[in-house]
Amino acid sequence: MKPIFITIKNSLDLIIIPDSEAHLDGHVAITASYSIYRNRHQTGDLLIRRESKLHLEKKNDPDYMGTIFFESPQESLSYIADGSQRLSVFEIQELVEKIINYRNTPSLW
């Protein structure tokens, strides 16, 4: 999937970088994770570097705001705020709604 550009209600422009991973250890589980960055409308080179980062790597990017993880088939989610900036509970709720809408609408991909 390509990066998702989202603006949430408080005029916070975000870049969401999706990543999926399948686990087949006797149970089918799909983890879809989304790295969250503040969008300051930087150049394409910076976006390419962000896309190439693994979730296991420490992110030193000052615009990094954490990662949202969706687990299937249980359909649980978690937000890890391991960046220099954090989203509020209300921002997380709105962002999750927008990501779910994006995931459920393949024409947006």
Protein backbone atom coordinates (compact mmCIF):
# COMPACT_ATOMS: atom_id res chain seq x y z
CA MET A 1 0.00 0.00 0.00
CA LYS A 2 1.08 3.55 -0.59
CA PRO A 3 1.31 6.20 2.17
CA ILE A 4 -2.00 7.68 3.33
CA PHE A 5 -2.33 11.44 3.76
CA ILE A 6 -4.94 12.32 6.39
CA THR A 7 -6.04 15.49 8.14
CA ILE A 8 -7.88 15.11 11.41
CA LYS A 9 -10.29 17.64 12.92
CA ASN A 10 -7.80 19.82 14.71
CA SER A 11 -6.07 20.51 11.34
CA LEU A 12 -3.32 18.03 12.11
CA ASP A 13 -1.90 16.82 8.77
CA LEU A 14 -0.55 13.28 9.02
CA ILE A 15 1.27 10.77 6.82
CA ILE A 16 0.34 7.19 7.61
CA ILE A 17 2.75 4.53 6.33
CA PRO A 18 1.08 1.08 6.21
CA ASP A 19 2.82 -2.24 6.66
CA SER A 20 1.33 -5.75 6.89
CA GLU A 21 2.77 -8.99 8.17
CA ALA A 22 1.24 -12.48 8.17
CA HIS A 23 1.94 -15.00 10.94
CA LEU A 24 1.32 -18.67 10.28
CA ASP A 25 2.32 -20.48 13.47
CA GLY A 26 -0.73 -22.73 13.52
CA HIS A 27 -2.99 -19.69 13.75
CA VAL A 28 -3.61 -17.30 10.92
CA ALA A 29 -2.96 -13.79 12.18
CA ILE A 30 -2.40 -10.68 10.17
CA THR A 31 -0.80 -7.65 11.74
CA ALA A 32 -1.35 -4.41 9.93
CA SER A 33 0.71 -1.61 11.37
CA TYR A 34 0.65 2.05 10.49
CA SER A 35 3.52 4.39 11.32
CA ILE A 36 2.27 7.90 11.99
CA TYR A 37 4.17 11.06 11.06
CA ARG A 38 3.23 14.71 11.17
CA ASN A 39 3.03 15.92 7.57
CA ARG A 40 5.04 19.08 7.15
CA HIS A 41 4.94 18.67 3.34
CA GLN A 42 8.57 17.61 3.01
CA THR A 43 10.28 16.32 -0.11
CA GLY A 44 9.74 12.87 -1.63
CA ASP A 45 13.18 11.68 -0.48
CA LEU A 46 12.15 11.93 3.18
CA LEU A 47 8.96 9.96 2.49
CA ILE A 48 10.97 7.20 0.79
CA ARG A 49 13.30 6.97 3.82
CA ARG A 50 10.30 6.74 6.18
CA GLU A 51 8.75 3.97 4.09
CA SER A 52 11.95 1.93 4.22
CA LYS A 53 12.22 1.98 8.03
CA LEU A 54 11.38 -1.24 9.83
CA HIS A 55 9.06 -1.05 12.84
CA LEU A 56 11.78 -2.65 14.93
CA GLU A 57 14.13 0.27 14.38
CA LYS A 58 14.24 3.23 16.73
CA LYS A 59 12.78 6.23 14.94
CA ASN A 60 14.61 9.48 15.57
CA ASP A 61 12.45 11.49 13.16
CA PRO A 62 11.03 14.50 15.08
CA ASP A 63 7.74 14.15 13.17
CA TYR A 64 7.22 10.49 14.18
CA MET A 65 4.13 10.13 16.40
CA GLY A 66 3.98 6.36 17.01
CA THR A 67 2.42 3.29 15.46
CA ILE A 68 -1.08 1.81 15.39
CA PHE A 69 -1.29 -2.00 15.20
CA PHE A 70 -4.41 -3.87 14.01
CA GLU A 71 -4.52 -7.61 14.74
CA SER A 72 -6.79 -9.94 12.75
CA PRO A 73 -8.79 -12.15 13.19
CA GLN A 74 -9.31 -10.84 16.75
CA GLU A 75 -9.74 -7.30 15.40
CA SER A 76 -7.93 -5.69 18.31
CA LEU A 77 -5.79 -2.60 18.02
CA SER A 78 -3.13 -0.80 19.97
CA TYR A 79 -1.30 2.50 19.73
CA ILE A 80 2.32 2.78 20.77
CA ALA A 81 3.41 6.36 21.31
CA ASP A 82 7.16 5.86 21.02
CA GLY A 83 7.85 9.05 19.10
CA SER A 84 8.78 12.52 20.27
CA GLN A 85 5.13 13.61 19.84
CA ARG A 86 1.95 11.83 20.94
CA LEU A 87 -1.63 11.75 19.77
CA SER A 88 -4.46 12.45 22.22
CA VAL A 89 -7.17 9.85 22.84
CA PHE A 90 -9.57 11.81 20.62
CA GLU A 91 -6.99 12.08 17.82
CA ILE A 92 -6.36 8.32 18.02
CA GLN A 93 -10.10 7.58 17.82
CA GLU A 94 -10.53 9.78 14.76
CA LEU A 95 -7.41 8.40 13.10
CA VAL A 96 -8.52 4.79 13.68
CA GLU A 97 -11.92 5.57 12.12
CA LYS A 98 -10.21 7.04 9.05
CA ILE A 99 -7.78 4.10 8.72
CA ILE A 100 -10.65 1.60 9.00
CA ASN A 101 -12.55 3.50 6.30
CA TYR A 102 -9.43 3.45 4.13
CA ARG A 103 -8.92 -0.30 4.71
CA ASN A 104 -12.55 -1.02 3.83
CA THR A 105 -12.42 1.03 0.60
CA PRO A 106 -9.89 -0.58 -1.77
CA SER A 107 -10.55 2.07 -4.42
CA LEU A 108 -8.67 4.52 -2.15
CA TRP A 109 -5.54 2.37 -2.35
